[in-house]
């Protein structure tokens, strides 16, 4: 497997107006394959965030997905959705957004849920958390799952959740995408923080 691509998770609970410069700085410093936006919160603010992030990301050839919010993805020209309920909504999202949309599914630590999502037509499956966090049920995923998945399944796999530099190195040859976001946004310089995590 080639080196993984960077999948960036946008910060939550930050006004769209404040996010623009921080997001642009990271995207200008690191090659990002996909940007994920939060899908819960004030609808007006989510709409502003979607428009702003779409313009910044698409200008740099970065795809944009939003968590769970199918209507907003469709209305604001985003590239797709990241579903947090495993395989359950994959077919519905595909029907609503069409064959060309990105439909990703977070499947926690469950190989079975991941397989079901792939069979339902997910474009990627995400497993996590990889480190100690409250993401999902809070129990870290066994990294052997990524090795098994990369050996057996063709659907791309994303690793996410409480990542540090050592975990990223461990995942480097067994994940198609590595999702980073909460790990860097609290830093004064998120782009520099990402440089410290991402192998040169």
C-alpha atoms as a PDB file:
ATOM      1  CA  UNK A   1       0.000   0.000   0.000  1.00  0.00           C
ATOM      2  CA  UNK A   2       1.168   3.513  -0.804  1.00  0.00           C
ATOM      3  CA  UNK A   3       1.489   6.182   1.860  1.00  0.00           C
ATOM      4  CA  UNK A   4      -1.921   7.189   3.231  1.00  0.00           C
ATOM      5  CA  UNK A   5      -3.657  10.378   2.243  1.00  0.00           C
ATOM      6  CA  UNK A   6      -4.550  13.071   4.748  1.00  0.00           C
ATOM      7  CA  UNK A   7      -8.230  13.408   5.661  1.00  0.00           C
ATOM      8  CA  UNK A   8      -8.835  16.632   7.572  1.00  0.00           C
ATOM      9  CA  UNK A   9     -11.624  17.028  10.115  1.00  0.00           C
ATOM     10  CA  UNK A  10     -12.693  20.666  10.452  1.00  0.00           C
ATOM     11  CA  UNK A  11     -12.929  22.183  13.928  1.00  0.00           C
ATOM     12  CA  UNK A  12     -16.271  22.227  15.684  1.00  0.00           C
ATOM     13  CA  UNK A  13     -17.742  25.053  17.763  1.00  0.00           C
ATOM     14  CA  UNK A  14     -15.832  27.744  15.920  1.00  0.00           C
ATOM     15  CA  UNK A  15     -17.537  30.483  13.871  1.00  0.00           C
ATOM     16  CA  UNK A  16     -17.148  30.219  10.105  1.00  0.00           C
ATOM     17  CA  UNK A  17     -15.543  33.665  10.083  1.00  0.00           C
ATOM     18  CA  UNK A  18     -12.748  32.476  12.381  1.00  0.00           C
ATOM     19  CA  UNK A  19     -12.201  29.204  10.608  1.00  0.00           C
ATOM     20  CA  UNK A  20     -11.367  30.532   7.158  1.00  0.00           C
ATOM     21  CA  UNK A  21      -7.779  31.598   7.821  1.00  0.00           C
ATOM     22  CA  UNK A  22      -6.957  28.555   9.950  1.00  0.00           C
ATOM     23  CA  UNK A  23      -8.391  26.157   7.418  1.00  0.00           C
ATOM     24  CA  UNK A  24      -6.686  27.823   4.467  1.00  0.00           C
ATOM     25  CA  UNK A  25      -3.330  27.768   6.273  1.00  0.00           C
ATOM     26  CA  UNK A  26      -3.531  24.008   6.842  1.00  0.00           C
ATOM     27  CA  UNK A  27      -4.695  23.280   3.295  1.00  0.00           C
ATOM     28  CA  UNK A  28      -1.893  25.445   1.877  1.00  0.00           C
ATOM     29  CA  UNK A  29       0.728  23.645   3.967  1.00  0.00           C
ATOM     30  CA  UNK A  30      -0.361  20.025   3.613  1.00  0.00           C
ATOM     31  CA  UNK A  31      -1.854  18.042   0.712  1.00  0.00           C
ATOM     32  CA  UNK A  32      -5.340  17.069   1.909  1.00  0.00           C
ATOM     33  CA  UNK A  33      -7.548  14.569   0.082  1.00  0.00           C
ATOM     34  CA  UNK A  34     -10.823  15.268   1.879  1.00  0.00           C
ATOM     35  CA  UNK A  35     -12.224  17.782   4.371  1.00  0.00           C
ATOM     36  CA  UNK A  36     -14.998  16.772   6.777  1.00  0.00           C
ATOM     37  CA  UNK A  37     -17.346  19.364   8.261  1.00  0.00           C
ATOM     38  CA  UNK A  38     -19.476  19.074  11.394  1.00  0.00           C
ATOM     39  CA  UNK A  39     -23.133  18.471  10.632  1.00  0.00           C
ATOM     40  CA  UNK A  40     -24.779  19.432  13.919  1.00  0.00           C
ATOM     41  CA  UNK A  41     -25.469  22.892  15.287  1.00  0.00           C
ATOM     42  CA  UNK A  42     -27.158  26.100  14.223  1.00  0.00           C
ATOM     43  CA  UNK A  43     -28.456  25.626  10.673  1.00  0.00           C
ATOM     44  CA  UNK A  44     -27.511  29.131   9.574  1.00  0.00           C
ATOM     45  CA  UNK A  45     -23.974  28.777  10.860  1.00  0.00           C
ATOM     46  CA  UNK A  46     -23.667  25.336   9.277  1.00  0.00           C
ATOM     47  CA  UNK A  47     -24.752  26.792   5.944  1.00  0.00           C
ATOM     48  CA  UNK A  48     -22.171  29.602   6.206  1.00  0.00           C
ATOM     49  CA  UNK A  49     -19.502  27.081   7.166  1.00  0.00           C
ATOM     50  CA  UNK A  50     -20.431  24.829   4.255  1.00  0.00           C
ATOM     51  CA  UNK A  51     -20.175  27.647   1.708  1.00  0.00           C
ATOM     52  CA  UNK A  52     -16.929  28.986   3.119  1.00  0.00           C
ATOM     53  CA  UNK A  53     -15.241  25.589   3.459  1.00  0.00           C
ATOM     54  CA  UNK A  54     -16.438  24.466   0.028  1.00  0.00           C
ATOM     55  CA  UNK A  55     -14.932  27.521  -1.651  1.00  0.00           C
ATOM     56  CA  UNK A  56     -11.624  27.230   0.214  1.00  0.00           C
ATOM     57  CA  UNK A  57     -11.331  23.479  -0.334  1.00  0.00           C
ATOM     58  CA  UNK A  58     -12.511  23.286  -3.932  1.00  0.00           C
ATOM     59  CA  UNK A  59     -10.047  26.034  -4.891  1.00  0.00           C
ATOM     60  CA  UNK A  60      -7.354  23.581  -3.741  1.00  0.00           C
ATOM     61  CA  UNK A  61      -8.957  20.472  -5.321  1.00  0.00           C
ATOM     62  CA  UNK A  62      -9.998  19.096  -1.928  1.00  0.00           C
ATOM     63  CA  UNK A  63     -13.285  17.183  -1.625  1.00  0.00           C
ATOM     64  CA  UNK A  64     -15.710  18.243   1.132  1.00  0.00           C
ATOM     65  CA  UNK A  65     -18.090  15.987   3.065  1.00  0.00           C
ATOM     66  CA  UNK A  66     -20.357  16.822   5.989  1.00  0.00           C
ATOM     67  CA  UNK A  67     -21.393  14.632   8.886  1.00  0.00           C
ATOM     68  CA  UNK A  68     -24.865  13.127   8.412  1.00  0.00           C
ATOM     69  CA  UNK A  69     -26.518  16.242   6.920  1.00  0.00           C
ATOM     70  CA  UNK A  70     -27.721  15.036   3.517  1.00  0.00           C
ATOM     71  CA  UNK A  71     -29.952  18.069   2.730  1.00  0.00           C
ATOM     72  CA  UNK A  72     -27.150  20.530   3.467  1.00  0.00           C
ATOM     73  CA  UNK A  73     -24.654  18.541   1.387  1.00  0.00           C
ATOM     74  CA  UNK A  74     -27.036  18.654  -1.550  1.00  0.00           C
ATOM     75  CA  UNK A  75     -28.072  22.305  -1.149  1.00  0.00           C
ATOM     76  CA  UNK A  76     -24.550  23.684  -0.790  1.00  0.00           C
ATOM     77  CA  UNK A  77     -22.715  21.710  -3.444  1.00  0.00           C
ATOM     78  CA  UNK A  78     -20.644  19.565  -1.126  1.00  0.00           C
ATOM     79  CA  UNK A  79     -19.124  16.342  -2.397  1.00  0.00           C
ATOM     80  CA  UNK A  80     -20.944  14.014  -0.025  1.00  0.00           C
ATOM     81  CA  UNK A  81     -21.578  12.885   3.529  1.00  0.00           C
ATOM     82  CA  UNK A  82     -19.804  11.115   6.359  1.00  0.00           C
ATOM     83  CA  UNK A  83     -22.336   8.945   8.173  1.00  0.00           C
ATOM     84  CA  UNK A  84     -21.842   8.160  11.836  1.00  0.00           C
ATOM     85  CA  UNK A  85     -24.364   5.320  12.117  1.00  0.00           C
ATOM     86  CA  UNK A  86     -22.326   2.639  10.392  1.00  0.00           C
ATOM     87  CA  UNK A  87     -24.078   0.921   7.497  1.00  0.00           C
ATOM     88  CA  UNK A  88     -27.616   1.974   8.380  1.00  0.00           C
ATOM     89  CA  UNK A  89     -27.967   5.110   6.232  1.00  0.00           C
ATOM     90  CA  UNK A  90     -25.575   4.279   3.389  1.00  0.00           C
ATOM     91  CA  UNK A  91     -28.184   3.157   0.851  1.00  0.00           C
ATOM     92  CA  UNK A  92     -30.468   6.084   1.693  1.00  0.00           C
ATOM     93  CA  UNK A  93     -27.643   8.611   1.349  1.00  0.00           C
ATOM     94  CA  UNK A  94     -26.630   7.114  -1.989  1.00  0.00           C
ATOM     95  CA  UNK A  95     -30.215   7.304  -3.249  1.00  0.00           C
ATOM     96  CA  UNK A  96     -30.557  10.925  -2.118  1.00  0.00           C
ATOM     97  CA  UNK A  97     -27.181  12.206  -3.335  1.00  0.00           C
ATOM     98  CA  UNK A  98     -26.583  10.099  -6.436  1.00  0.00           C
ATOM     99  CA  UNK A  99     -23.905   7.799  -7.734  1.00  0.00           C
ATOM    100  CA  UNK A 100     -21.170  10.451  -7.925  1.00  0.00           C
ATOM    101  CA  UNK A 101     -21.411  11.613  -4.301  1.00  0.00           C
ATOM    102  CA  UNK A 102     -18.956  10.489  -1.633  1.00  0.00           C
ATOM    103  CA  UNK A 103     -20.682   8.388   1.023  1.00  0.00           C
ATOM    104  CA  UNK A 104     -18.449   7.419   3.934  1.00  0.00           C
ATOM    105  CA  UNK A 105     -19.380   5.460   7.037  1.00  0.00           C
ATOM    106  CA  UNK A 106     -17.886   5.510  10.531  1.00  0.00           C
ATOM    107  CA  UNK A 107     -18.096   1.985  11.899  1.00  0.00           C
ATOM    108  CA  UNK A 108     -16.378   2.283  15.273  1.00  0.00           C
ATOM    109  CA  UNK A 109     -14.404  -0.850  16.031  1.00  0.00           C
ATOM    110  CA  UNK A 110     -16.735  -3.294  14.235  1.00  0.00           C
ATOM    111  CA  UNK A 111     -15.375  -5.308  11.341  1.00  0.00           C
ATOM    112  CA  UNK A 112     -18.909  -6.595  10.677  1.00  0.00           C
ATOM    113  CA  UNK A 113     -20.359  -3.066  10.514  1.00  0.00           C
ATOM    114  CA  UNK A 114     -17.567  -2.057   8.159  1.00  0.00           C
ATOM    115  CA  UNK A 115     -18.237  -5.005   5.872  1.00  0.00           C
ATOM    116  CA  UNK A 116     -21.967  -4.184   5.870  1.00  0.00           C
ATOM    117  CA  UNK A 117     -21.255  -0.551   4.982  1.00  0.00           C
ATOM    118  CA  UNK A 118     -18.979  -1.595   2.146  1.00  0.00           C
ATOM    119  CA  UNK A 119     -21.590  -3.995   0.807  1.00  0.00           C
ATOM    120  CA  UNK A 120     -24.206  -1.221   1.017  1.00  0.00           C
ATOM    121  CA  UNK A 121     -22.060   0.951  -1.253  1.00  0.00           C
ATOM    122  CA  UNK A 122     -19.955   3.123   1.036  1.00  0.00           C
ATOM    123  CA  UNK A 123     -17.010   4.788  -0.712  1.00  0.00           C
ATOM    124  CA  UNK A 124     -14.914   4.460   2.418  1.00  0.00           C
ATOM    125  CA  UNK A 125     -15.197   3.003   5.893  1.00  0.00           C
ATOM    126  CA  UNK A 126     -13.720   4.717   8.969  1.00  0.00           C
ATOM    127  CA  UNK A 127     -12.655   2.892  12.115  1.00  0.00           C
ATOM    128  CA  UNK A 128     -11.713   4.421  15.440  1.00  0.00           C
ATOM    129  CA  UNK A 129     -10.826   5.678  17.857  1.00  0.00           C
ATOM    130  CA  UNK A 130      -7.229   4.604  17.393  1.00  0.00           C
ATOM    131  CA  UNK A 131      -6.161   6.101  20.726  1.00  0.00           C
ATOM    132  CA  UNK A 132      -7.888   6.843  24.031  1.00  0.00           C
ATOM    133  CA  UNK A 133     -10.876   9.167  23.540  1.00  0.00           C
ATOM    134  CA  UNK A 134     -14.631   9.368  23.922  1.00  0.00           C
ATOM    135  CA  UNK A 135     -15.147   8.953  20.148  1.00  0.00           C
ATOM    136  CA  UNK A 136     -17.518   6.105  19.376  1.00  0.00           C
ATOM    137  CA  UNK A 137     -17.815   3.964  22.489  1.00  0.00           C
ATOM    138  CA  UNK A 138     -14.388   5.111  23.650  1.00  0.00           C
ATOM    139  CA  UNK A 139     -12.761   1.692  23.274  1.00  0.00           C
ATOM    140  CA  UNK A 140      -9.742   1.923  20.950  1.00  0.00           C
ATOM    141  CA  UNK A 141      -9.881  -0.141  17.789  1.00  0.00           C
ATOM    142  CA  UNK A 142      -7.392  -2.993  17.445  1.00  0.00           C
ATOM    143  CA  UNK A 143      -4.910  -1.802  14.813  1.00  0.00           C
ATOM    144  CA  UNK A 144      -4.833  -5.356  13.451  1.00  0.00           C
ATOM    145  CA  UNK A 145      -8.254  -4.563  11.963  1.00  0.00           C
ATOM    146  CA  UNK A 146      -6.597  -2.111   9.560  1.00  0.00           C
ATOM    147  CA  UNK A 147      -4.066  -4.724   8.486  1.00  0.00           C
ATOM    148  CA  UNK A 148      -6.811  -7.290   7.920  1.00  0.00           C
ATOM    149  CA  UNK A 149      -8.956  -4.779   6.052  1.00  0.00           C
ATOM    150  CA  UNK A 150      -6.135  -3.680   3.753  1.00  0.00           C
ATOM    151  CA  UNK A 151      -5.331  -7.327   2.974  1.00  0.00           C
ATOM    152  CA  UNK A 152      -8.907  -8.484   2.343  1.00  0.00           C
ATOM    153  CA  UNK A 153     -11.233  -5.586   1.441  1.00  0.00           C
ATOM    154  CA  UNK A 154     -11.015  -3.180  -1.501  1.00  0.00           C
ATOM    155  CA  UNK A 155     -13.110  -0.394   0.069  1.00  0.00           C
ATOM    156  CA  UNK A 156     -10.712   2.334   1.298  1.00  0.00           C
ATOM    157  CA  UNK A 157     -10.283   2.570   5.058  1.00  0.00           C
ATOM    158  CA  UNK A 158      -9.880   5.689   7.216  1.00  0.00           C
ATOM    159  CA  UNK A 159      -8.190   5.666  10.631  1.00  0.00           C
ATOM    160  CA  UNK A 160      -9.310   8.324  13.104  1.00  0.00           C
ATOM    161  CA  UNK A 161      -9.555   9.294  16.735  1.00  0.00           C
ATOM    162  CA  UNK A 162      -6.942  10.426  19.282  1.00  0.00           C
ATOM    163  CA  UNK A 163      -4.001   9.990  16.951  1.00  0.00           C
ATOM    164  CA  UNK A 164      -0.445  10.866  17.866  1.00  0.00           C
ATOM    165  CA  UNK A 165       2.757  10.651  15.832  1.00  0.00           C
ATOM    166  CA  UNK A 166       3.498   7.087  16.989  1.00  0.00           C
ATOM    167  CA  UNK A 167       0.018   5.837  16.079  1.00  0.00           C
ATOM    168  CA  UNK A 168       0.192   7.512  12.681  1.00  0.00           C
ATOM    169  CA  UNK A 169       3.494   5.761  11.999  1.00  0.00           C
ATOM    170  CA  UNK A 170       1.897   2.443  13.014  1.00  0.00           C
ATOM    171  CA  UNK A 171      -0.980   3.056  10.594  1.00  0.00           C
ATOM    172  CA  UNK A 172       1.156   4.359   7.747  1.00  0.00           C
ATOM    173  CA  UNK A 173       1.192   1.188   5.647  1.00  0.00           C
ATOM    174  CA  UNK A 174      -2.241  -0.196   6.584  1.00  0.00           C
ATOM    175  CA  UNK A 175      -4.673   2.735   6.228  1.00  0.00           C
ATOM    176  CA  UNK A 176      -5.701   4.451   2.996  1.00  0.00           C
ATOM    177  CA  UNK A 177      -6.541   7.696   4.798  1.00  0.00           C
ATOM    178  CA  UNK A 178      -5.588   9.061   8.205  1.00  0.00           C
ATOM    179  CA  UNK A 179      -8.048  11.554   9.680  1.00  0.00           C
ATOM    180  CA  UNK A 180      -6.618  14.377  11.764  1.00  0.00           C
ATOM    181  CA  UNK A 181      -8.483  17.332  13.228  1.00  0.00           C
ATOM    182  CA  UNK A 182      -9.123  17.570  16.961  1.00  0.00           C
ATOM    183  CA  UNK A 183      -5.440  16.750  17.463  1.00  0.00           C
ATOM    184  CA  UNK A 184      -4.332  20.054  15.870  1.00  0.00           C
ATOM    185  CA  UNK A 185      -7.027  22.736  16.159  1.00  0.00           C
ATOM    186  CA  UNK A 186      -6.297  23.713  19.762  1.00  0.00           C
ATOM    187  CA  UNK A 187      -2.709  24.579  18.802  1.00  0.00           C
ATOM    188  CA  UNK A 188      -1.770  28.186  18.135  1.00  0.00           C
ATOM    189  CA  UNK A 189      -0.494  27.074  14.697  1.00  0.00           C
ATOM    190  CA  UNK A 190      -2.525  24.074  13.496  1.00  0.00           C
ATOM    191  CA  UNK A 191      -0.472  23.697  10.317  1.00  0.00           C
ATOM    192  CA  UNK A 192       2.720  23.391  12.364  1.00  0.00           C
ATOM    193  CA  UNK A 193       1.028  20.980  14.765  1.00  0.00           C
ATOM    194  CA  UNK A 194       0.087  18.795  11.813  1.00  0.00           C
ATOM    195  CA  UNK A 195       3.660  18.908  10.546  1.00  0.00           C
ATOM    196  CA  UNK A 196       4.729  17.524  13.920  1.00  0.00           C
ATOM    197  CA  UNK A 197       2.344  14.579  13.576  1.00  0.00           C
ATOM    198  CA  UNK A 198       2.722  13.735   9.905  1.00  0.00           C
ATOM    199  CA  UNK A 199       5.846  11.805   8.857  1.00  0.00           C
ATOM    200  CA  UNK A 200       8.076  13.808   6.511  1.00  0.00           C
END
